[in-house]
């Protein structure tokens, strides 16, 4: 039985299939990963619900910060409905105050609304001024896990911080390192971190294949594509590191 689960974030049907083919244990389903991930379409949710591994839908109505008004919170509730109706395993969400603290009231409303679904707190956590307070809020609300880079641009930069977060969580929820977690950096995290799951895009860079599409503003010059071989290599490396721990 595998010890450390590999979650792969994807934002299209091709990426979803690549993650499955490569051996991902769970999918974080998004749109627009280039801006950190937004809520996926109902059609992509329906497709992911038929996958042989569980998928959690990102619930994020726009790029930018995580300070949401009443209209945006209503959109998020409707998107949670869409994830539930599609048959997905869970949702990924977060909400903040302007000073970066978690908005416990908004998060409480959203998590209660998502009752019955799995719950991940996304990297809004990385903006908080007080990790201790934020972990207490997340644990009290019954969140399963926190996806975090330890407040840095990438998780491998701050392994000591992640060690502390695991200690603060004290088994009440999972600390899942994400951002900058690649085949080249996973050794810095494992086996030093006592974690049960890691998050990665397992992607490769490739240029756009149609110059006119780029010129007309329909696509960036380069994109990141989920790669089945990279997923497979990451899965094998995690298994190897567990074997050496």
Protein backbone atom coordinates (compact mmCIF):
# COMPACT_ATOMS: atom_id res chain seq x y z
CA UNK A 1 0.00 0.00 0.00
CA UNK A 2 1.35 3.43 -0.95
CA UNK A 3 2.28 5.69 1.91
CA UNK A 4 2.60 9.15 0.35
CA UNK A 5 -0.15 10.19 -2.03
CA UNK A 6 0.61 12.22 -5.16
CA UNK A 7 -1.92 14.90 -6.08
CA UNK A 8 -1.55 16.43 -9.55
CA UNK A 9 -3.18 19.71 -10.58
CA UNK A 10 -4.62 19.86 -14.10
CA UNK A 11 -6.67 22.39 -16.05
CA UNK A 12 -7.86 20.56 -19.15
CA UNK A 13 -8.99 17.15 -20.42
CA UNK A 14 -5.55 16.31 -21.83
CA UNK A 15 -3.90 17.03 -18.49
CA UNK A 16 -6.51 14.98 -16.66
CA UNK A 17 -5.78 11.94 -18.79
CA UNK A 18 -2.01 12.43 -18.51
CA UNK A 19 -2.26 12.57 -14.71
CA UNK A 20 -4.31 9.38 -14.64
CA UNK A 21 -2.01 7.57 -17.09
CA UNK A 22 1.05 8.60 -15.07
CA UNK A 23 -0.32 7.21 -11.82
CA UNK A 24 -1.61 10.23 -9.89
CA UNK A 25 -3.49 9.29 -6.74
CA UNK A 26 -5.74 12.35 -6.73
CA UNK A 27 -6.54 15.22 -9.09
CA UNK A 28 -6.86 18.89 -8.24
CA UNK A 29 -9.15 20.05 -11.04
CA UNK A 30 -8.81 23.66 -12.15
CA UNK A 31 -9.09 26.13 -14.96
CA UNK A 32 -6.28 28.62 -15.68
CA UNK A 33 -3.37 27.14 -13.75
CA UNK A 34 -1.25 30.00 -15.11
CA UNK A 35 -2.92 32.25 -12.50
CA UNK A 36 -2.90 29.66 -9.72
CA UNK A 37 -6.08 27.85 -10.71
CA UNK A 38 -9.71 28.92 -11.05
CA UNK A 39 -12.99 27.00 -10.89
CA UNK A 40 -13.17 24.43 -13.72
CA UNK A 41 -16.13 24.24 -16.07
CA UNK A 42 -19.10 22.00 -15.34
CA UNK A 43 -18.12 19.91 -18.36
CA UNK A 44 -14.60 19.30 -17.08
CA UNK A 45 -16.01 18.43 -13.66
CA UNK A 46 -18.31 15.87 -15.27
CA UNK A 47 -15.40 14.34 -17.17
CA UNK A 48 -13.22 14.15 -14.04
CA UNK A 49 -16.02 12.52 -12.07
CA UNK A 50 -15.71 9.51 -14.39
CA UNK A 51 -11.98 9.17 -13.69
CA UNK A 52 -10.67 6.16 -11.73
CA UNK A 53 -9.07 8.45 -9.11
CA UNK A 54 -10.76 11.07 -6.90
CA UNK A 55 -10.87 14.67 -8.10
CA UNK A 56 -11.26 17.84 -6.06
CA UNK A 57 -12.49 20.97 -7.86
CA UNK A 58 -10.87 24.32 -7.23
CA UNK A 59 -13.51 26.81 -6.04
CA UNK A 60 -12.02 30.18 -6.94
CA UNK A 61 -14.18 32.57 -8.96
CA UNK A 62 -11.46 34.93 -10.21
CA UNK A 63 -7.71 35.52 -10.16
CA UNK A 64 -6.12 37.81 -7.59
CA UNK A 65 -6.61 37.85 -3.85
CA UNK A 66 -8.97 35.74 -1.76
CA UNK A 67 -11.05 38.56 -0.28
CA UNK A 68 -14.57 37.83 -1.47
CA UNK A 69 -17.75 39.88 -1.42
CA UNK A 70 -21.27 38.52 -1.03
CA UNK A 71 -21.80 38.05 -4.77
CA UNK A 72 -18.55 36.11 -5.12
CA UNK A 73 -19.38 33.89 -2.15
CA UNK A 74 -22.72 33.13 -3.79
CA UNK A 75 -20.88 32.14 -6.99
CA UNK A 76 -18.65 29.87 -4.92
CA UNK A 77 -21.67 28.16 -3.35
CA UNK A 78 -23.13 27.54 -6.81
CA UNK A 79 -19.79 26.13 -7.97
CA UNK A 80 -19.77 23.81 -4.96
CA UNK A 81 -23.23 22.68 -6.10
CA UNK A 82 -21.77 21.95 -9.54
CA UNK A 83 -18.96 19.87 -8.05
CA UNK A 84 -21.40 17.90 -5.92
CA UNK A 85 -23.83 17.35 -8.79
CA UNK A 86 -20.97 16.15 -11.02
CA UNK A 87 -20.05 13.56 -8.40
CA UNK A 88 -16.59 14.87 -7.52
CA UNK A 89 -14.90 13.77 -4.32
CA UNK A 90 -14.25 17.22 -2.90
CA UNK A 91 -13.47 20.90 -3.31
CA UNK A 92 -10.47 23.17 -2.77
CA UNK A 93 -11.21 26.59 -1.34
CA UNK A 94 -10.09 29.50 0.80
CA UNK A 95 -11.09 33.01 1.86
CA UNK A 96 -9.10 35.81 3.45
CA UNK A 97 -9.37 39.17 5.17
CA UNK A 98 -7.49 42.09 3.64
CA UNK A 99 -4.66 41.63 6.15
CA UNK A 100 -4.15 38.05 4.98
CA UNK A 101 -5.79 36.32 7.95
CA UNK A 102 -8.19 33.54 7.07
CA UNK A 103 -11.80 34.73 6.94
CA UNK A 104 -13.19 32.20 9.41
CA UNK A 105 -16.79 33.33 8.90
CA UNK A 106 -16.70 33.00 5.11
CA UNK A 107 -14.79 29.73 5.31
CA UNK A 108 -17.27 28.42 7.85
CA UNK A 109 -20.19 29.23 5.54
CA UNK A 110 -18.48 27.57 2.58
CA UNK A 111 -17.38 24.44 4.42
CA UNK A 112 -20.84 23.95 5.91
CA UNK A 113 -22.32 24.38 2.46
CA UNK A 114 -19.90 21.76 1.12
CA UNK A 115 -20.90 19.21 3.78
CA UNK A 116 -20.33 15.69 2.53
CA UNK A 117 -17.49 16.68 0.21
CA UNK A 118 -13.78 16.42 0.93
CA UNK A 119 -12.24 19.78 1.84
CA UNK A 120 -8.80 21.22 1.06
CA UNK A 121 -7.69 24.69 2.13
CA UNK A 122 -5.68 26.18 -0.75
CA UNK A 123 -2.69 28.50 -0.69
CA UNK A 124 -4.62 31.45 0.69
CA UNK A 125 -2.98 29.92 3.77
CA UNK A 126 0.40 31.12 2.50
CA UNK A 127 -0.67 34.75 2.95
CA UNK A 128 -1.55 34.49 6.63
CA UNK A 129 0.49 36.48 9.20
CA UNK A 130 0.10 33.77 11.86
CA UNK A 131 0.36 30.10 10.88
CA UNK A 132 -0.68 28.92 14.35
CA UNK A 133 -3.97 30.81 14.20
CA UNK A 134 -4.69 29.70 10.64
CA UNK A 135 -4.11 26.02 11.41
CA UNK A 136 -6.45 26.27 14.40
CA UNK A 137 -9.15 27.79 12.18
CA UNK A 138 -8.69 25.11 9.53
CA UNK A 139 -8.77 22.29 12.08
CA UNK A 140 -11.84 23.69 13.84
CA UNK A 141 -13.69 23.89 10.50
CA UNK A 142 -12.95 20.25 9.73
CA UNK A 143 -10.74 20.77 6.70
CA UNK A 144 -8.90 17.62 5.66
CA UNK A 145 -5.69 19.25 4.52
CA UNK A 146 -3.82 22.48 3.83
CA UNK A 147 -2.03 22.92 0.52
CA UNK A 148 0.94 25.14 1.30
CA UNK A 149 4.36 26.30 0.18
CA UNK A 150 5.11 27.42 3.74
CA UNK A 151 4.52 31.05 2.78
CA UNK A 152 7.34 31.04 0.22
CA UNK A 153 7.22 31.03 -3.56
CA UNK A 154 8.11 27.34 -3.54
CA UNK A 155 7.90 24.71 -0.82
CA UNK A 156 11.46 23.36 -1.14
CA UNK A 157 12.81 26.79 -0.11
CA UNK A 158 11.36 26.54 3.40
CA UNK A 159 11.53 22.94 4.59
CA UNK A 160 12.09 24.05 8.19
CA UNK A 161 8.85 26.02 8.09
CA UNK A 162 6.99 23.03 6.68
CA UNK A 163 8.38 20.84 9.46
CA UNK A 164 6.95 23.33 11.95
CA UNK A 165 3.56 23.35 10.20
CA UNK A 166 3.37 19.56 10.40
CA UNK A 167 4.09 19.82 14.12
CA UNK A 168 1.43 22.50 14.60
CA UNK A 169 -1.16 20.42 12.72
CA UNK A 170 -0.37 17.53 15.09
CA UNK A 171 -2.31 14.99 13.04
CA UNK A 172 -5.56 16.95 13.07
CA UNK A 173 -5.26 17.62 9.35
CA UNK A 174 -2.71 16.99 6.64
CA UNK A 175 -0.05 19.47 5.57
CA UNK A 176 0.41 18.94 1.82
CA UNK A 177 3.49 20.66 0.34
CA UNK A 178 2.90 22.26 -3.05
CA UNK A 179 4.44 24.81 -5.42
CA UNK A 180 7.85 24.10 -6.84
CA UNK A 181 7.58 20.41 -6.00
CA UNK A 182 9.26 18.63 -8.91
CA UNK A 183 11.31 15.54 -9.61
CA UNK A 184 14.39 17.71 -8.99
CA UNK A 185 13.24 19.11 -5.63
CA UNK A 186 11.20 16.33 -4.01
CA UNK A 187 14.39 15.00 -2.34
CA UNK A 188 14.55 18.17 -0.22
CA UNK A 189 11.12 17.43 1.21
CA UNK A 190 11.14 13.66 1.62
CA UNK A 191 11.80 11.85 3.82
CA UNK A 192 12.52 14.83 6.08
CA UNK A 193 8.85 15.86 6.23
CA UNK A 194 6.41 13.59 8.02
CA UNK A 195 3.71 14.14 5.37
CA UNK A 196 1.22 11.75 3.80
CA UNK A 197 0.70 13.61 0.50
CA UNK A 198 2.41 16.01 -1.88
CA UNK A 199 1.10 18.26 -4.66
CA UNK A 200 2.72 18.87 -8.04
CA UNK A 201 1.85 20.01 -11.56
CA UNK A 202 4.17 17.38 -13.09
CA UNK A 203 4.24 19.58 -16.16
CA UNK A 204 6.60 20.41 -18.98
CA UNK A 205 6.99 23.69 -20.84
CA UNK A 206 6.12 23.80 -24.52
CA UNK A 207 5.71 26.62 -27.05
CA UNK A 208 2.32 27.44 -28.57
CA UNK A 209 1.89 25.58 -31.84
CA UNK A 210 0.02 28.34 -33.71
CA UNK A 211 1.62 31.76 -34.08
CA UNK A 212 -1.68 33.42 -35.08
CA UNK A 213 -3.40 32.17 -31.95
CA UNK A 214 -0.71 33.89 -29.90
CA UNK A 215 -0.74 37.07 -31.99
CA UNK A 216 -4.50 37.44 -31.58
CA UNK A 217 -4.25 37.05 -27.82
CA UNK A 218 -5.92 33.65 -27.50
CA UNK A 219 -2.91 31.95 -25.89
CA UNK A 220 0.47 32.81 -24.32
CA UNK A 221 3.65 32.07 -26.28
CA UNK A 222 4.38 29.16 -23.93
CA UNK A 223 2.30 26.90 -21.75
CA UNK A 224 2.83 24.22 -19.15
CA UNK A 225 1.39 20.83 -20.07
CA UNK A 226 0.76 17.98 -17.61
CA UNK A 227 3.04 15.16 -18.72
CA UNK A 228 2.29 11.50 -18.04
CA UNK A 229 5.98 10.53 -18.06
CA UNK A 230 6.74 13.23 -15.50
CA UNK A 231 3.87 12.05 -13.29
CA UNK A 232 5.19 8.50 -13.56
CA UNK A 233 8.73 9.59 -12.69
CA UNK A 234 7.49 11.60 -9.71
CA UNK A 235 5.47 8.65 -8.44
CA UNK A 236 8.50 6.38 -8.75
CA UNK A 237 10.76 8.88 -7.01
CA UNK A 238 8.35 9.29 -4.09
CA UNK A 239 8.16 5.50 -3.73
CA UNK A 240 11.96 5.30 -3.83
CA UNK A 241 12.38 7.96 -1.17
CA UNK A 242 9.88 6.20 1.08
CA UNK A 243 11.85 3.01 0.66
CA UNK A 244 15.00 4.78 1.77
CA UNK A 245 13.45 6.43 4.83
